[in-house]
């Protein structure tokens, strides 16, 4: 399970570093992924605004100014 989530984080960051915007990543990768459990939620962290994408594992995939990471 951790490998699948790690692969998802890497895939999202690879697209983001190529200049793909969040909405495109959401529609092409995240929304249909079996581990994504719901819509992104707005949040705030030390980097500023962030989006938290709930996962079936109970954790969140976080997107902020530094990219995607597992929270």
N, C-alpha and C. Protein backbone atom coordinates (compact mmCIF):
# COMPACT_ATOMS: atom_id res chain seq x y z
N UNK A 1 0.81 -1.19 0.00
CA UNK A 1 0.00 0.00 0.00
C UNK A 1 0.86 1.26 0.00
N UNK A 2 1.90 1.29 0.80
CA UNK A 2 2.78 2.45 0.86
C UNK A 2 3.45 2.70 -0.48
N UNK A 3 3.78 1.62 -1.20
CA UNK A 3 4.40 1.77 -2.52
C UNK A 3 3.45 2.45 -3.49
N UNK A 4 2.17 2.11 -3.42
CA UNK A 4 1.19 2.71 -4.33
C UNK A 4 1.05 4.20 -4.04
N UNK A 5 0.99 4.57 -2.78
CA UNK A 5 0.86 5.98 -2.41
C UNK A 5 2.14 6.74 -2.77
N UNK A 6 3.29 6.15 -2.52
CA UNK A 6 4.56 6.79 -2.88
C UNK A 6 4.65 7.01 -4.39
N UNK A 7 4.20 6.03 -5.15
CA UNK A 7 4.20 6.15 -6.61
C UNK A 7 3.27 7.28 -7.04
N UNK A 8 2.11 7.40 -6.39
CA UNK A 8 1.17 8.48 -6.70
C UNK A 8 1.80 9.84 -6.42
N UNK A 9 2.47 9.99 -5.29
CA UNK A 9 3.15 11.25 -4.96
C UNK A 9 4.21 11.57 -6.02
N UNK A 10 5.01 10.58 -6.39
CA UNK A 10 6.05 10.81 -7.42
C UNK A 10 5.43 11.20 -8.76
N UNK A 11 4.36 10.53 -9.15
CA UNK A 11 3.69 10.82 -10.41
C UNK A 11 3.14 12.24 -10.43
N UNK A 12 2.51 12.66 -9.34
CA UNK A 12 1.97 14.01 -9.26
C UNK A 12 3.07 15.05 -9.29
N UNK A 13 4.16 14.83 -8.55
CA UNK A 13 5.27 15.78 -8.55
C UNK A 13 5.97 15.85 -9.90
N UNK A 14 6.07 14.73 -10.59
CA UNK A 14 6.69 14.72 -11.92
C UNK A 14 5.88 15.60 -12.87
N UNK A 15 4.57 15.48 -12.83
CA UNK A 15 3.71 16.30 -13.69
C UNK A 15 3.81 17.77 -13.29
N UNK A 16 3.77 18.04 -11.98
CA UNK A 16 3.80 19.42 -11.49
C UNK A 16 5.12 20.11 -11.88
N UNK A 17 6.24 19.41 -11.76
CA UNK A 17 7.53 20.02 -12.11
C UNK A 17 7.65 20.25 -13.63
N UNK A 18 6.83 19.57 -14.41
CA UNK A 18 6.80 19.81 -15.86
C UNK A 18 5.87 20.95 -16.22
N UNK A 19 5.23 21.56 -15.21
CA UNK A 19 4.38 22.71 -15.45
C UNK A 19 2.90 22.40 -15.55
N UNK A 20 2.50 21.17 -15.24
CA UNK A 20 1.08 20.82 -15.27
C UNK A 20 0.41 21.40 -14.02
N UNK A 21 -0.73 22.07 -14.20
CA UNK A 21 -1.40 22.71 -13.07
C UNK A 21 -2.18 21.69 -12.24
N UNK A 22 -2.55 22.11 -11.02
CA UNK A 22 -3.22 21.20 -10.10
C UNK A 22 -4.51 20.65 -10.67
N UNK A 23 -5.34 21.50 -11.29
CA UNK A 23 -6.63 21.03 -11.80
C UNK A 23 -6.46 19.92 -12.84
N UNK A 24 -5.46 20.04 -13.68
CA UNK A 24 -5.20 19.00 -14.67
C UNK A 24 -4.75 17.72 -13.98
N UNK A 25 -3.87 17.84 -12.99
CA UNK A 25 -3.42 16.65 -12.24
C UNK A 25 -4.60 16.02 -11.51
N UNK A 26 -5.47 16.85 -10.96
CA UNK A 26 -6.66 16.33 -10.28
C UNK A 26 -7.51 15.51 -11.24
N UNK A 27 -7.80 16.07 -12.41
CA UNK A 27 -8.70 15.40 -13.36
C UNK A 27 -8.06 14.21 -14.06
N UNK A 28 -6.76 14.25 -14.31
CA UNK A 28 -6.12 13.16 -15.07
C UNK A 28 -5.53 12.06 -14.20
N UNK A 29 -5.18 12.36 -12.96
CA UNK A 29 -4.48 11.39 -12.13
C UNK A 29 -5.21 11.10 -10.81
N UNK A 30 -5.52 12.13 -10.07
CA UNK A 30 -6.01 11.94 -8.70
C UNK A 30 -7.47 11.52 -8.61
N UNK A 31 -8.34 12.20 -9.32
CA UNK A 31 -9.79 11.98 -9.18
C UNK A 31 -10.18 10.53 -9.42
N UNK A 32 -9.52 9.87 -10.35
CA UNK A 32 -9.86 8.49 -10.70
C UNK A 32 -9.04 7.45 -9.93
N UNK A 33 -8.07 7.87 -9.15
CA UNK A 33 -7.20 6.93 -8.46
C UNK A 33 -7.97 6.21 -7.35
N UNK A 34 -7.84 4.88 -7.25
CA UNK A 34 -8.59 4.13 -6.25
C UNK A 34 -8.24 4.46 -4.80
N UNK A 35 -7.10 5.09 -4.54
CA UNK A 35 -6.71 5.44 -3.18
C UNK A 35 -7.20 6.82 -2.75
N UNK A 36 -7.71 7.62 -3.69
CA UNK A 36 -8.23 8.95 -3.37
C UNK A 36 -9.66 8.78 -2.87
N UNK A 37 -9.93 9.31 -1.66
CA UNK A 37 -11.20 9.07 -0.99
C UNK A 37 -12.17 10.25 -1.04
N UNK A 38 -11.79 11.35 -1.67
CA UNK A 38 -12.71 12.49 -1.70
C UNK A 38 -12.10 13.70 -2.36
N UNK A 39 -12.86 14.77 -2.34
CA UNK A 39 -12.47 16.04 -2.95
C UNK A 39 -11.36 16.73 -2.13
N UNK A 40 -10.54 17.56 -2.79
CA UNK A 40 -9.53 18.33 -2.06
C UNK A 40 -10.17 19.29 -1.07
N UNK A 41 -9.54 19.45 0.07
CA UNK A 41 -9.99 20.37 1.11
C UNK A 41 -8.97 21.48 1.25
N UNK A 42 -9.44 22.72 1.37
CA UNK A 42 -8.52 23.84 1.54
C UNK A 42 -7.97 23.84 2.96
N UNK A 43 -6.68 24.16 3.05
CA UNK A 43 -6.00 24.20 4.35
C UNK A 43 -4.92 25.27 4.28
N UNK A 44 -4.22 25.43 5.36
CA UNK A 44 -3.12 26.39 5.48
C UNK A 44 -2.00 25.69 6.25
N UNK A 45 -0.76 25.85 5.80
CA UNK A 45 0.38 25.32 6.55
C UNK A 45 1.50 26.35 6.53
N UNK A 46 2.66 25.98 7.02
CA UNK A 46 3.77 26.94 7.10
C UNK A 46 4.21 27.46 5.74
N UNK A 47 3.90 26.73 4.67
CA UNK A 47 4.25 27.17 3.32
C UNK A 47 3.18 28.08 2.72
N UNK A 48 2.03 28.22 3.40
CA UNK A 48 0.94 29.05 2.89
C UNK A 48 -0.28 28.19 2.60
N UNK A 49 -1.07 28.60 1.60
CA UNK A 49 -2.27 27.82 1.25
C UNK A 49 -1.89 26.40 0.82
N UNK A 50 -2.77 25.47 1.15
CA UNK A 50 -2.52 24.07 0.79
C UNK A 50 -3.85 23.39 0.49
N UNK A 51 -3.77 22.32 -0.28
CA UNK A 51 -4.92 21.46 -0.54
C UNK A 51 -4.62 20.10 0.06
N UNK A 52 -5.60 19.56 0.77
CA UNK A 52 -5.46 18.23 1.38
C UNK A 52 -6.41 17.29 0.65
N UNK A 53 -5.86 16.25 0.04
CA UNK A 53 -6.65 15.26 -0.67
C UNK A 53 -6.73 14.01 0.21
N UNK A 54 -7.93 13.65 0.69
CA UNK A 54 -8.05 12.49 1.58
C UNK A 54 -7.78 11.18 0.82
N UNK A 55 -7.09 10.27 1.50
CA UNK A 55 -6.78 8.96 0.94
C UNK A 55 -7.50 7.88 1.73
N UNK A 56 -7.74 6.74 1.11
CA UNK A 56 -8.42 5.63 1.79
C UNK A 56 -7.61 5.11 2.97
N UNK A 57 -6.33 5.44 3.03
CA UNK A 57 -5.47 4.99 4.12
C UNK A 57 -5.71 5.79 5.40
N UNK A 58 -6.50 6.88 5.30
CA UNK A 58 -6.71 7.77 6.45
C UNK A 58 -5.75 8.94 6.46
N UNK A 59 -4.76 8.91 5.60
CA UNK A 59 -3.81 10.02 5.50
C UNK A 59 -4.27 10.97 4.41
N UNK A 60 -3.48 12.01 4.15
CA UNK A 60 -3.81 12.98 3.11
C UNK A 60 -2.61 13.19 2.19
N UNK A 61 -2.91 13.40 0.94
CA UNK A 61 -1.92 13.88 -0.01
C UNK A 61 -2.03 15.39 0.04
N UNK A 62 -0.94 16.07 0.35
CA UNK A 62 -0.94 17.52 0.51
C UNK A 62 -0.31 18.14 -0.73
N UNK A 63 -0.93 19.21 -1.23
CA UNK A 63 -0.35 20.00 -2.31
C UNK A 63 -0.21 21.41 -1.81
N UNK A 64 1.02 21.93 -1.82
CA UNK A 64 1.27 23.31 -1.44
C UNK A 64 2.36 23.88 -2.34
N UNK A 65 2.94 24.98 -1.96
CA UNK A 65 3.94 25.65 -2.79
C UNK A 65 5.17 24.77 -3.06
N UNK A 66 5.40 23.78 -2.22
CA UNK A 66 6.57 22.91 -2.42
C UNK A 66 6.24 21.68 -3.26
N UNK A 67 4.98 21.49 -3.61
CA UNK A 67 4.60 20.34 -4.42
C UNK A 67 3.70 19.39 -3.65
N UNK A 68 3.71 18.13 -4.05
CA UNK A 68 2.88 17.11 -3.43
C UNK A 68 3.70 16.33 -2.40
N UNK A 69 3.07 15.99 -1.28
CA UNK A 69 3.72 15.18 -0.27
C UNK A 69 2.66 14.50 0.58
N UNK A 70 3.05 13.48 1.27
CA UNK A 70 2.12 12.70 2.08
C UNK A 70 2.08 13.26 3.49
N UNK A 71 0.89 13.59 3.96
CA UNK A 71 0.73 14.15 5.29
C UNK A 71 0.02 13.20 6.21
